[in-house]
Amino acid sequence: LRDHDIPYARQMETYLRNIEYSASQAKSLGLTIVLEAI
């Protein structure tokens, strides 16, 4: 969820880093990380 006590840019930076981490960990399994707009 969006936390309005935290700057949007900081949340987005965290999101990008975490998804990048997920993708790097999943790659050796041939696994694709998918992201959903809700």
PDB file of all heavy atoms in Angstrom:
ATOM      1  N   LEU A   1       0.818  -1.206   0.000  1.00  0.00           N
ATOM      2  CA  LEU A   1       0.000   0.000   0.000  1.00  0.00           C
ATOM      3  C   LEU A   1       0.856   1.263   0.000  1.00  0.00           C
ATOM      4  O   LEU A   1       1.978   1.276   0.498  1.00  0.00           O
ATOM      5  CB  LEU A   1      -0.920   0.006   1.227  1.00  0.00           C
ATOM      6  CG  LEU A   1      -1.855  -1.198   1.377  1.00  0.00           C
ATOM      7  CD1 LEU A   1      -2.680  -1.062   2.644  1.00  0.00           C
ATOM      8  CD2 LEU A   1      -2.751  -1.362   0.160  1.00  0.00           C
ATOM      9  N   ARG A   2       0.308   2.305  -0.543  1.00  0.00           N
ATOM     10  CA  ARG A   2       0.950   3.623  -0.503  1.00  0.00           C
ATOM     11  C   ARG A   2       0.909   4.141   0.933  1.00  0.00           C
ATOM     12  O   ARG A   2      -0.137   4.165   1.572  1.00  0.00           O
ATOM     13  CB  ARG A   2       0.207   4.589  -1.431  1.00  0.00           C
ATOM     14  CG  ARG A   2       0.669   6.033  -1.337  1.00  0.00           C
ATOM     15  CD  ARG A   2       1.965   6.260  -2.090  1.00  0.00           C
ATOM     16  NE  ARG A   2       2.344   7.667  -2.036  1.00  0.00           N
ATOM     17  CZ  ARG A   2       3.263   8.167  -1.208  1.00  0.00           C
ATOM     18  NH1 ARG A   2       3.922   7.374  -0.359  1.00  0.00           N
ATOM     19  NH2 ARG A   2       3.544   9.449  -1.230  1.00  0.00           N
ATOM     20  N   ASP A   3       2.063   4.545   1.462  1.00  0.00           N
ATOM     21  CA  ASP A   3       2.173   5.134   2.792  1.00  0.00           C
ATOM     22  C   ASP A   3       2.415   6.630   2.614  1.00  0.00           C
ATOM     23  O   ASP A   3       3.497   7.047   2.200  1.00  0.00           O
ATOM     24  CB  ASP A   3       3.326   4.484   3.559  1.00  0.00           C
ATOM     25  CG  ASP A   3       3.412   4.950   5.004  1.00  0.00           C
ATOM     26  OD1 ASP A   3       2.853   6.023   5.327  1.00  0.00           O
ATOM     27  OD2 ASP A   3       4.056   4.255   5.814  1.00  0.00           O
ATOM     28  N   HIS A   4       1.396   7.435   2.934  1.00  0.00           N
ATOM     29  CA  HIS A   4       1.499   8.876   2.680  1.00  0.00           C
ATOM     30  C   HIS A   4       2.395   9.596   3.680  1.00  0.00           C
ATOM     31  O   HIS A   4       2.638  10.797   3.533  1.00  0.00           O
ATOM     32  CB  HIS A   4       0.101   9.491   2.642  1.00  0.00           C
ATOM     33  CG  HIS A   4      -0.705   9.043   1.464  1.00  0.00           C
ATOM     34  ND1 HIS A   4      -0.511   9.557   0.198  1.00  0.00           N
ATOM     35  CD2 HIS A   4      -1.672   8.088   1.349  1.00  0.00           C
ATOM     36  CE1 HIS A   4      -1.337   8.968  -0.649  1.00  0.00           C
ATOM     37  NE2 HIS A   4      -2.053   8.069   0.023  1.00  0.00           N
ATOM     38  N   ASP A   5       2.911   8.876   4.664  1.00  0.00           N
ATOM     39  CA  ASP A   5       3.915   9.447   5.559  1.00  0.00           C
ATOM     40  C   ASP A   5       5.326   9.296   4.990  1.00  0.00           C
ATOM     41  O   ASP A   5       6.291   9.805   5.576  1.00  0.00           O
ATOM     42  CB  ASP A   5       3.857   8.783   6.941  1.00  0.00           C
ATOM     43  CG  ASP A   5       2.570   9.109   7.685  1.00  0.00           C
ATOM     44  OD1 ASP A   5       2.065  10.232   7.504  1.00  0.00           O
ATOM     45  OD2 ASP A   5       2.077   8.247   8.435  1.00  0.00           O
ATOM     46  N   ILE A   6       5.436   8.598   3.880  1.00  0.00           N
ATOM     47  CA  ILE A   6       6.722   8.366   3.220  1.00  0.00           C
ATOM     48  C   ILE A   6       6.670   8.995   1.835  1.00  0.00           C
ATOM     49  O   ILE A   6       5.687   8.815   1.111  1.00  0.00           O
ATOM     50  CB  ILE A   6       7.009   6.856   3.112  1.00  0.00           C
ATOM     51  CG1 ILE A   6       7.086   6.224   4.498  1.00  0.00           C
ATOM     52  CG2 ILE A   6       8.303   6.594   2.337  1.00  0.00           C
ATOM     53  CD1 ILE A   6       7.201   4.710   4.475  1.00  0.00           C
ATOM     54  N   PRO A   7       7.687   9.714   1.417  1.00  0.00           N
ATOM     55  CA  PRO A   7       7.678  10.270   0.052  1.00  0.00           C
ATOM     56  C   PRO A   7       7.499   9.180  -0.994  1.00  0.00           C
ATOM     57  O   PRO A   7       8.074   8.086  -0.885  1.00  0.00           O
ATOM     58  CB  PRO A   7       9.063  10.924  -0.057  1.00  0.00           C
ATOM     59  CG  PRO A   7       9.460  11.233   1.341  1.00  0.00           C
ATOM     60  CD  PRO A   7       8.894  10.116   2.171  1.00  0.00           C
ATOM     61  N   TYR A   8       6.700   9.509  -1.996  1.00  0.00           N
ATOM     62  CA  TYR A   8       6.442   8.538  -3.065  1.00  0.00           C
ATOM     63  C   TYR A   8       7.743   8.045  -3.681  1.00  0.00           C
ATOM     64  O   TYR A   8       7.911   6.841  -3.943  1.00  0.00           O
ATOM     65  CB  TYR A   8       5.557   9.172  -4.141  1.00  0.00           C
ATOM     66  CG  TYR A   8       5.320   8.273  -5.329  1.00  0.00           C
ATOM     67  CD1 TYR A   8       4.304   7.327  -5.313  1.00  0.00           C
ATOM     68  CD2 TYR A   8       6.142   8.371  -6.461  1.00  0.00           C
ATOM     69  CE1 TYR A   8       4.100   6.493  -6.402  1.00  0.00           C
ATOM     70  CE2 TYR A   8       5.939   7.533  -7.551  1.00  0.00           C
ATOM     71  CZ  TYR A   8       4.925   6.597  -7.520  1.00  0.00           C
ATOM     72  OH  TYR A   8       4.729   5.769  -8.596  1.00  0.00           O
ATOM     73  N   ALA A   9       8.678   8.956  -3.907  1.00  0.00           N
ATOM     74  CA  ALA A   9       9.934   8.581  -4.557  1.00  0.00           C
ATOM     75  C   ALA A   9      10.695   7.538  -3.747  1.00  0.00           C
ATOM     76  O   ALA A   9      11.338   6.642  -4.312  1.00  0.00           O
ATOM     77  CB  ALA A   9      10.806   9.816  -4.772  1.00  0.00           C
ATOM     78  N   ARG A  10      10.614   7.630  -2.420  1.00  0.00           N
ATOM     79  CA  ARG A  10      11.316   6.644  -1.594  1.00  0.00           C
ATOM     80  C   ARG A  10      10.641   5.283  -1.701  1.00  0.00           C
ATOM     81  O   ARG A  10      11.315   4.244  -1.764  1.00  0.00           O
ATOM     82  CB  ARG A  10      11.351   7.109  -0.133  1.00  0.00           C
ATOM     83  CG  ARG A  10      12.191   6.183   0.747  1.00  0.00           C
ATOM     84  CD  ARG A  10      12.230   6.634   2.189  1.00  0.00           C
ATOM     85  NE  ARG A  10      12.912   5.649   3.016  1.00  0.00           N
ATOM     86  CZ  ARG A  10      12.701   5.483   4.318  1.00  0.00           C
ATOM     87  NH1 ARG A  10      11.826   6.261   4.948  1.00  0.00           N
ATOM     88  NH2 ARG A  10      13.360   4.556   4.992  1.00  0.00           N
ATOM     89  N   GLN A  11       9.315   5.275  -1.712  1.00  0.00           N
ATOM     90  CA  GLN A  11       8.627   4.000  -1.884  1.00  0.00           C
ATOM     91  C   GLN A  11       8.949   3.388  -3.243  1.00  0.00           C
ATOM     92  O   GLN A  11       9.191   2.178  -3.353  1.00  0.00           O
ATOM     93  CB  GLN A  11       7.111   4.168  -1.731  1.00  0.00           C
ATOM     94  CG  GLN A  11       6.648   4.215  -0.285  1.00  0.00           C
ATOM     95  CD  GLN A  11       5.169   3.871  -0.141  1.00  0.00           C
ATOM     96  OE1 GLN A  11       4.342   4.760  -0.062  1.00  0.00           O
ATOM     97  NE2 GLN A  11       4.856   2.581  -0.089  1.00  0.00           N
ATOM     98  N   MET A  12       8.976   4.210  -4.281  1.00  0.00           N
ATOM     99  CA  MET A  12       9.277   3.688  -5.612  1.00  0.00           C
ATOM    100  C   MET A  12      10.702   3.162  -5.687  1.00  0.00           C
ATOM    101  O   MET A  12      10.961   2.106  -6.282  1.00  0.00           O
ATOM    102  CB  MET A  12       9.054   4.776  -6.663  1.00  0.00           C
ATOM    103  CG  MET A  12       9.386   4.335  -8.089  1.00  0.00           C
ATOM    104  SD  MET A  12       8.501   2.834  -8.634  1.00  0.00           S
ATOM    105  CE  MET A  12       6.867   3.516  -8.938  1.00  0.00           C
ATOM    106  N   GLU A  13      11.627   3.853  -5.066  1.00  0.00           N
ATOM    107  CA  GLU A  13      13.011   3.378  -5.048  1.00  0.00           C
ATOM    108  C   GLU A  13      13.103   2.011  -4.359  1.00  0.00           C
ATOM    109  O   GLU A  13      13.804   1.105  -4.825  1.00  0.00           O
ATOM    110  CB  GLU A  13      13.904   4.393  -4.330  1.00  0.00           C
ATOM    111  CG  GLU A  13      15.368   3.989  -4.262  1.00  0.00           C
ATOM    112  CD  GLU A  13      16.212   4.970  -3.460  1.00  0.00           C
ATOM    113  OE1 GLU A  13      15.663   5.976  -2.972  1.00  0.00           O
ATOM    114  OE2 GLU A  13      17.421   4.707  -3.315  1.00  0.00           O
ATOM    115  N   THR A  14      12.391   1.876  -3.242  1.00  0.00           N
ATOM    116  CA  THR A  14      12.375   0.601  -2.527  1.00  0.00           C
ATOM    117  C   THR A  14      11.750  -0.492  -3.391  1.00  0.00           C
ATOM    118  O   THR A  14      12.257  -1.629  -3.460  1.00  0.00           O
ATOM    119  CB  THR A  14      11.582   0.742  -1.212  1.00  0.00           C
ATOM    120  OG1 THR A  14      12.186   1.747  -0.406  1.00  0.00           O
ATOM    121  CG2 THR A  14      11.551  -0.561  -0.444  1.00  0.00           C
ATOM    122  N   TYR A  15      10.663  -0.160  -4.051  1.00  0.00           N
ATOM    123  CA  TYR A  15       9.975  -1.107  -4.934  1.00  0.00           C
ATOM    124  C   TYR A  15      10.910  -1.602  -6.032  1.00  0.00           C
ATOM    125  O   TYR A  15      11.036  -2.815  -6.272  1.00  0.00           O
ATOM    126  CB  TYR A  15       8.752  -0.406  -5.524  1.00  0.00           C
ATOM    127  CG  TYR A  15       7.822  -1.268  -6.336  1.00  0.00           C
ATOM    128  CD1 TYR A  15       7.480  -2.562  -5.947  1.00  0.00           C
ATOM    129  CD2 TYR A  15       7.236  -0.768  -7.502  1.00  0.00           C
ATOM    130  CE1 TYR A  15       6.598  -3.323  -6.692  1.00  0.00           C
ATOM    131  CE2 TYR A  15       6.353  -1.530  -8.247  1.00  0.00           C
ATOM    132  CZ  TYR A  15       6.045  -2.806  -7.843  1.00  0.00           C
ATOM    133  OH  TYR A  15       5.167  -3.564  -8.584  1.00  0.00           O
ATOM    134  N   LEU A  16      11.595  -0.683  -6.684  1.00  0.00           N
ATOM    135  CA  LEU A  16      12.502  -1.059  -7.767  1.00  0.00           C
ATOM    136  C   LEU A  16      13.618  -1.974  -7.267  1.00  0.00           C
ATOM    137  O   LEU A  16      13.941  -2.989  -7.900  1.00  0.00           O
ATOM    138  CB  LEU A  16      13.089   0.195  -8.414  1.00  0.00           C
ATOM    139  CG  LEU A  16      12.107   1.053  -9.220  1.00  0.00           C
ATOM    140  CD1 LEU A  16      12.748   2.384  -9.580  1.00  0.00           C
ATOM    141  CD2 LEU A  16      11.655   0.317 -10.471  1.00  0.00           C
ATOM    142  N   ARG A  17      14.204  -1.625  -6.127  1.00  0.00           N
ATOM    143  CA  ARG A  17      15.293  -2.446  -5.588  1.00  0.00           C
ATOM    144  C   ARG A  17      14.800  -3.852  -5.248  1.00  0.00           C
ATOM    145  O   ARG A  17      15.488  -4.847  -5.514  1.00  0.00           O
ATOM    146  CB  ARG A  17      15.893  -1.796  -4.336  1.00  0.00           C
ATOM    147  CG  ARG A  17      16.846  -0.662  -4.591  1.00  0.00           C
ATOM    148  CD  ARG A  17      17.773  -0.450  -3.385  1.00  0.00           C
ATOM    149  NE  ARG A  17      17.039  -0.419  -2.125  1.00  0.00           N
ATOM    150  CZ  ARG A  17      16.551   0.678  -1.554  1.00  0.00           C
ATOM    151  NH1 ARG A  17      16.726   1.852  -2.143  1.00  0.00           N
ATOM    152  NH2 ARG A  17      15.896   0.615  -0.409  1.00  0.00           N
ATOM    153  N   ASN A  18      13.628  -3.929  -4.635  1.00  0.00           N
ATOM    154  CA  ASN A  18      13.113  -5.231  -4.227  1.00  0.00           C
ATOM    155  C   ASN A  18      12.706  -6.095  -5.413  1.00  0.00           C
ATOM    156  O   ASN A  18      12.917  -7.318  -5.406  1.00  0.00           O
ATOM    157  CB  ASN A  18      11.940  -5.060  -3.256  1.00  0.00           C
ATOM    158  CG  ASN A  18      12.395  -4.741  -1.845  1.00  0.00           C
ATOM    159  OD1 ASN A  18      13.480  -5.127  -1.428  1.00  0.00           O
ATOM    160  ND2 ASN A  18      11.558  -4.032  -1.098  1.00  0.00           N
ATOM    161  N   ILE A  19      12.131  -5.493  -6.430  1.00  0.00           N
ATOM    162  CA  ILE A  19      11.778  -6.274  -7.614  1.00  0.00           C
ATOM    163  C   ILE A  19      13.042  -6.717  -8.341  1.00  0.00           C
ATOM    164  O   ILE A  19      13.131  -7.858  -8.839  1.00  0.00           O
ATOM    165  CB  ILE A  19      10.847  -5.475  -8.543  1.00  0.00           C
ATOM    166  CG1 ILE A  19       9.525  -5.159  -7.830  1.00  0.00           C
ATOM    167  CG2 ILE A  19      10.578  -6.259  -9.830  1.00  0.00           C
ATOM    168  CD1 ILE A  19       8.787  -6.359  -7.288  1.00  0.00           C
ATOM    169  N   GLU A  20      14.026  -5.858  -8.393  1.00  0.00           N
ATOM    170  CA  GLU A  20      15.309  -6.246  -8.999  1.00  0.00           C
ATOM    171  C   GLU A  20      15.923  -7.431  -8.248  1.00  0.00           C
ATOM    172  O   GLU A  20      16.437  -8.377  -8.857  1.00  0.00           O
ATOM    173  CB  GLU A  20      16.265  -5.054  -8.989  1.00  0.00           C
ATOM    174  CG  GLU A  20      17.555  -5.290  -9.745  1.00  0.00           C
ATOM    175  CD  GLU A  20      18.393  -4.030  -9.819  1.00  0.00           C
ATOM    176  OE1 GLU A  20      18.428  -3.267  -8.834  1.00  0.00           O
ATOM    177  OE2 GLU A  20      19.010  -3.805 -10.872  1.00  0.00           O
ATOM    178  N   TYR A  21      15.864  -7.389  -6.912  1.00  0.00           N
ATOM    179  CA  TYR A  21      16.353  -8.497  -6.107  1.00  0.00           C
ATOM    180  C   TYR A  21      15.568  -9.773  -6.426  1.00  0.00           C
ATOM    181  O   TYR A  21      16.156 -10.851  -6.617  1.00  0.00           O
ATOM    182  CB  TYR A  21      16.229  -8.157  -4.618  1.00  0.00           C
ATOM    183  CG  TYR A  21      16.544  -9.323  -3.706  1.00  0.00           C
ATOM    184  CD1 TYR A  21      17.855  -9.614  -3.354  1.00  0.00           C
ATOM    185  CD2 TYR A  21      15.526 -10.151  -3.216  1.00  0.00           C
ATOM    186  CE1 TYR A  21      18.148 -10.710  -2.533  1.00  0.00           C
ATOM    187  CE2 TYR A  21      15.809 -11.234  -2.404  1.00  0.00           C
ATOM    188  CZ  TYR A  21      17.124 -11.505  -2.065  1.00  0.00           C
ATOM    189  OH  TYR A  21      17.416 -12.581  -1.266  1.00  0.00           O
ATOM    190  N   SER A  22      14.248  -9.673  -6.476  1.00  0.00           N
ATOM    191  CA  SER A  22      13.410 -10.837  -6.760  1.00  0.00           C
ATOM    192  C   SER A  22      13.782 -11.458  -8.095  1.00  0.00           C
ATOM    193  O   SER A  22      13.903 -12.691  -8.218  1.00  0.00           O
ATOM    194  CB  SER A  22      11.934 -10.432  -6.791  1.00  0.00           C
ATOM    195  OG  SER A  22      11.543  -9.811  -5.594  1.00  0.00           O
ATOM    196  N   ALA A  23      13.952 -10.607  -9.099  1.00  0.00           N
ATOM    197  CA  ALA A  23      14.270 -11.109 -10.438  1.00  0.00           C
ATOM    198  C   ALA A  23      15.620 -11.813 -10.456  1.00  0.00           C
ATOM    199  O   ALA A  23      15.780 -12.861 -11.097  1.00  0.00           O
ATOM    200  CB  ALA A  23      14.259  -9.955 -11.442  1.00  0.00           C
ATOM    201  N   SER A  24      16.591 -11.259  -9.749  1.00  0.00           N
ATOM    202  CA  SER A  24      17.924 -11.877  -9.733  1.00  0.00           C
ATOM    203  C   SER A  24      17.881 -13.229  -9.039  1.00  0.00           C
ATOM    204  O   SER A  24      18.544 -14.186  -9.466  1.00  0.00           O
ATOM    205  CB  SER A  24      18.930 -10.947  -9.051  1.00  0.00           C
ATOM    206  OG  SER A  24      18.648 -10.811  -7.661  1.00  0.00           O
ATOM    207  N   GLN A  25      17.098 -13.343  -7.966  1.00  0.00           N
ATOM    208  CA  GLN A  25      16.991 -14.602  -7.247  1.00  0.00           C
ATOM    209  C   GLN A  25      16.206 -15.652  -8.046  1.00  0.00           C
ATOM    210  O   GLN A  25      16.475 -16.848  -7.956  1.00  0.00           O
ATOM    211  CB  GLN A  25      16.307 -14.376  -5.896  1.00  0.00           C
ATOM    212  CG  GLN A  25      17.089 -13.488  -4.944  1.00  0.00           C
ATOM    213  CD  GLN A  25      18.434 -14.089  -4.578  1.00  0.00           C
ATOM    214  OE1 GLN A  25      18.506 -15.190  -4.043  1.00  0.00           O
ATOM    215  NE2 GLN A  25      19.504 -13.366  -4.873  1.00  0.00           N
ATOM    216  N   ALA A  26      15.226 -15.193  -8.825  1.00  0.00           N
ATOM    217  CA  ALA A  26      14.345 -16.105  -9.556  1.00  0.00           C
ATOM    218  C   ALA A  26      14.951 -16.596 -10.864  1.00  0.00           C
ATOM    219  O   ALA A  26      14.533 -17.633 -11.399  1.00  0.00           O
ATOM    220  CB  ALA A  26      13.015 -15.408  -9.849  1.00  0.00           C
ATOM    221  N   LYS A  27      15.934 -15.889 -11.380  1.00  0.00           N
ATOM    222  CA  LYS A  27      16.426 -16.156 -12.733  1.00  0.00           C
ATOM    223  C   LYS A  27      16.977 -17.565 -12.886  1.00  0.00           C
ATOM    224  O   LYS A  27      16.724 -18.234 -13.893  1.00  0.00           O
ATOM    225  CB  LYS A  27      17.480 -15.128 -13.123  1.00  0.00           C
ATOM    226  CG  LYS A  27      17.808 -15.130 -14.604  1.00  0.00           C
ATOM    227  CD  LYS A  27      18.658 -13.950 -14.979  1.00  0.00           C
ATOM    228  CE  LYS A  27      18.931 -13.919 -16.474  1.00  0.00           C
ATOM    229  NZ  LYS A  27      17.689 -13.771 -17.262  1.00  0.00           N
ATOM    230  N   SER A  28      17.704 -18.044 -11.897  1.00  0.00           N
ATOM    231  CA  SER A  28      18.317 -19.370 -12.018  1.00  0.00           C
ATOM    232  C   SER A  28      17.276 -20.484 -12.071  1.00  0.00           C
ATOM    233  O   SER A  28      17.569 -21.595 -12.528  1.00  0.00           O
ATOM    234  CB  SER A  28      19.285 -19.613 -10.858  1.00  0.00           C
ATOM    235  OG  SER A  28      18.590 -19.648  -9.621  1.00  0.00           O
ATOM    236  N   LEU A  29      16.061 -20.192 -11.609  1.00  0.00           N
ATOM    237  CA  LEU A  29      14.972 -21.177 -11.650  1.00  0.00           C
ATOM    238  C   LEU A  29      14.150 -21.072 -12.934  1.00  0.00           C
ATOM    239  O   LEU A  29      13.184 -21.815 -13.122  1.00  0.00           O
ATOM    240  CB  LEU A  29      14.037 -20.994 -10.446  1.00  0.00           C
ATOM    241  CG  LEU A  29      14.637 -21.180  -9.061  1.00  0.00           C
ATOM    242  CD1 LEU A  29      13.578 -20.966  -7.992  1.00  0.00           C
ATOM    243  CD2 LEU A  29      15.271 -22.551  -8.922  1.00  0.00           C
ATOM    244  N   GLY A  30      14.526 -20.120 -13.804  1.00  0.00           N
ATOM    245  CA  GLY A  30      13.725 -19.891 -15.000  1.00  0.00           C
ATOM    246  C   GLY A  30      12.377 -19.285 -14.691  1.00  0.00           C
ATOM    247  O   GLY A  30      11.396 -19.478 -15.427  1.00  0.00           O
ATOM    248  N   LEU A  31      12.320 -18.532 -13.609  1.00  0.00           N
ATOM    249  CA  LEU A  31      11.058 -18.002 -13.084  1.00  0.00           C
ATOM    250  C   LEU A  31      10.928 -16.521 -13.434  1.00  0.00           C
ATOM    251  O   LEU A  31      11.876 -15.749 -13.268  1.00  0.00           O
ATOM    252  CB  LEU A  31      11.034 -18.192 -11.573  1.00  0.00           C
ATOM    253  CG  LEU A  31       9.761 -17.880 -10.794  1.00  0.00           C
ATOM    254  CD1 LEU A  31       8.629 -18.794 -11.240  1.00  0.00           C
ATOM    255  CD2 LEU A  31      10.023 -18.055  -9.297  1.00  0.00           C
ATOM    256  N   THR A  32       9.755 -16.134 -13.904  1.00  0.00           N
ATOM    257  CA  THR A  32       9.468 -14.746 -14.238  1.00  0.00           C
ATOM    258  C   THR A  32       8.682 -14.091 -13.110  1.00  0.00           C
ATOM    259  O   THR A  32       7.687 -14.639 -12.631  1.00  0.00           O
ATOM    260  CB  THR A  32       8.659 -14.653 -15.547  1.00  0.00           C
ATOM    261  OG1 THR A  32       9.470 -15.137 -16.628  1.00  0.00           O
ATOM    262  CG2 THR A  32       8.250 -13.223 -15.852  1.00  0.00           C
ATOM    263  N   ILE A  33       9.134 -12.919 -12.691  1.00  0.00           N
ATOM    264  CA  ILE A  33       8.423 -12.104 -11.711  1.00  0.00           C
ATOM    265  C   ILE A  33       7.386 -11.268 -12.449  1.00  0.00           C
ATOM    266  O   ILE A  33       7.713 -10.586 -13.432  1.00  0.00           O
ATOM    267  CB  ILE A  33       9.397 -11.183 -10.949  1.00  0.00           C
ATOM    268  CG1 ILE A  33      10.478 -11.997 -10.234  1.00  0.00           C
ATOM    269  CG2 ILE A  33       8.636 -10.287  -9.971  1.00  0.00           C
ATOM    270  CD1 ILE A  33       9.970 -12.955  -9.188  1.00  0.00           C
ATOM    271  N   VAL A  34       6.147 -11.317 -12.001  1.00  0.00           N
ATOM    272  CA  VAL A  34       5.100 -10.514 -12.633  1.00  0.00           C
ATOM    273  C   VAL A  34       4.541  -9.506 -11.638  1.00  0.00           C
ATOM    274  O   VAL A  34       4.427  -9.781 -10.442  1.00  0.00           O
ATOM    275  CB  VAL A  34       3.979 -11.381 -13.249  1.00  0.00           C
ATOM    276  CG1 VAL A  34       4.492 -12.108 -14.484  1.00  0.00           C
ATOM    277  CG2 VAL A  34       3.415 -12.366 -12.245  1.00  0.00           C
ATOM    278  N   LEU A  35       4.198  -8.331 -12.169  1.00  0.00           N
ATOM    279  CA  LEU A  35       3.749  -7.196 -11.370  1.00  0.00           C
ATOM    280  C   LEU A  35       2.359  -6.788 -11.837  1.00  0.00           C
ATOM    281  O   LEU A  35       2.121  -6.643 -13.039  1.00  0.00           O
ATOM    282  CB  LEU A  35       4.722  -6.021 -11.531  1.00  0.00           C
ATOM    283  CG  LEU A  35       6.206  -6.349 -11.364  1.00  0.00           C
ATOM    284  CD1 LEU A  35       7.052  -5.111 -11.654  1.00  0.00           C
ATOM    285  CD2 LEU A  35       6.495  -6.886  -9.972  1.00  0.00           C
ATOM    286  N   GLU A  36       1.466  -6.555 -10.895  1.00  0.00           N
ATOM    287  CA  GLU A  36       0.065  -6.305 -11.223  1.00  0.00           C
ATOM    288  C   GLU A  36      -0.380  -4.934 -10.750  1.00  0.00           C
ATOM    289  O   GLU A  36      -0.115  -4.535  -9.606  1.00  0.00           O
ATOM    290  CB  GLU A  36      -0.812  -7.369 -10.568  1.00  0.00           C
ATOM    291  CG  GLU A  36      -2.293  -7.249 -10.886  1.00  0.00           C
ATOM    292  CD  GLU A  36      -3.116  -8.331 -10.203  1.00  0.00           C
ATOM    293  OE1 GLU A  36      -2.732  -8.770  -9.105  1.00  0.00           O
ATOM    294  OE2 GLU A  36      -4.146  -8.727 -10.767  1.00  0.00           O
ATOM    295  N   ALA A  37      -1.074  -4.227 -11.634  1.00  0.00           N
ATOM    296  CA  ALA A  37      -1.775  -3.008 -11.255  1.00  0.00           C
ATOM    297  C   ALA A  37      -3.169  -3.392 -10.761  1.00  0.00           C
ATOM    298  O   ALA A  37      -3.895  -4.110 -11.452  1.00  0.00           O
ATOM    299  CB  ALA A  37      -1.885  -2.069 -12.456  1.00  0.00           C
ATOM    300  N   ILE A  38      -3.536  -2.943  -9.569  1.00  0.00           N
ATOM    301  CA  ILE A  38      -4.789  -3.348  -8.930  1.00  0.00           C
ATOM    302  C   ILE A  38      -5.700  -2.141  -8.753  1.00  0.00           C
ATOM    303  O   ILE A  38      -5.242  -1.058  -8.375  1.00  0.00           O
ATOM    304  CB  ILE A  38      -4.504  -4.024  -7.574  1.00  0.00           C
ATOM    305  CG1 ILE A  38      -3.647  -5.273  -7.797  1.00  0.00           C
ATOM    306  CG2 ILE A  38      -5.797  -4.384  -6.854  1.00  0.00           C
ATOM    307  CD1 ILE A  38      -3.281  -6.027  -6.533  1.00  0.00           C
TER     308      ILE A  38
END
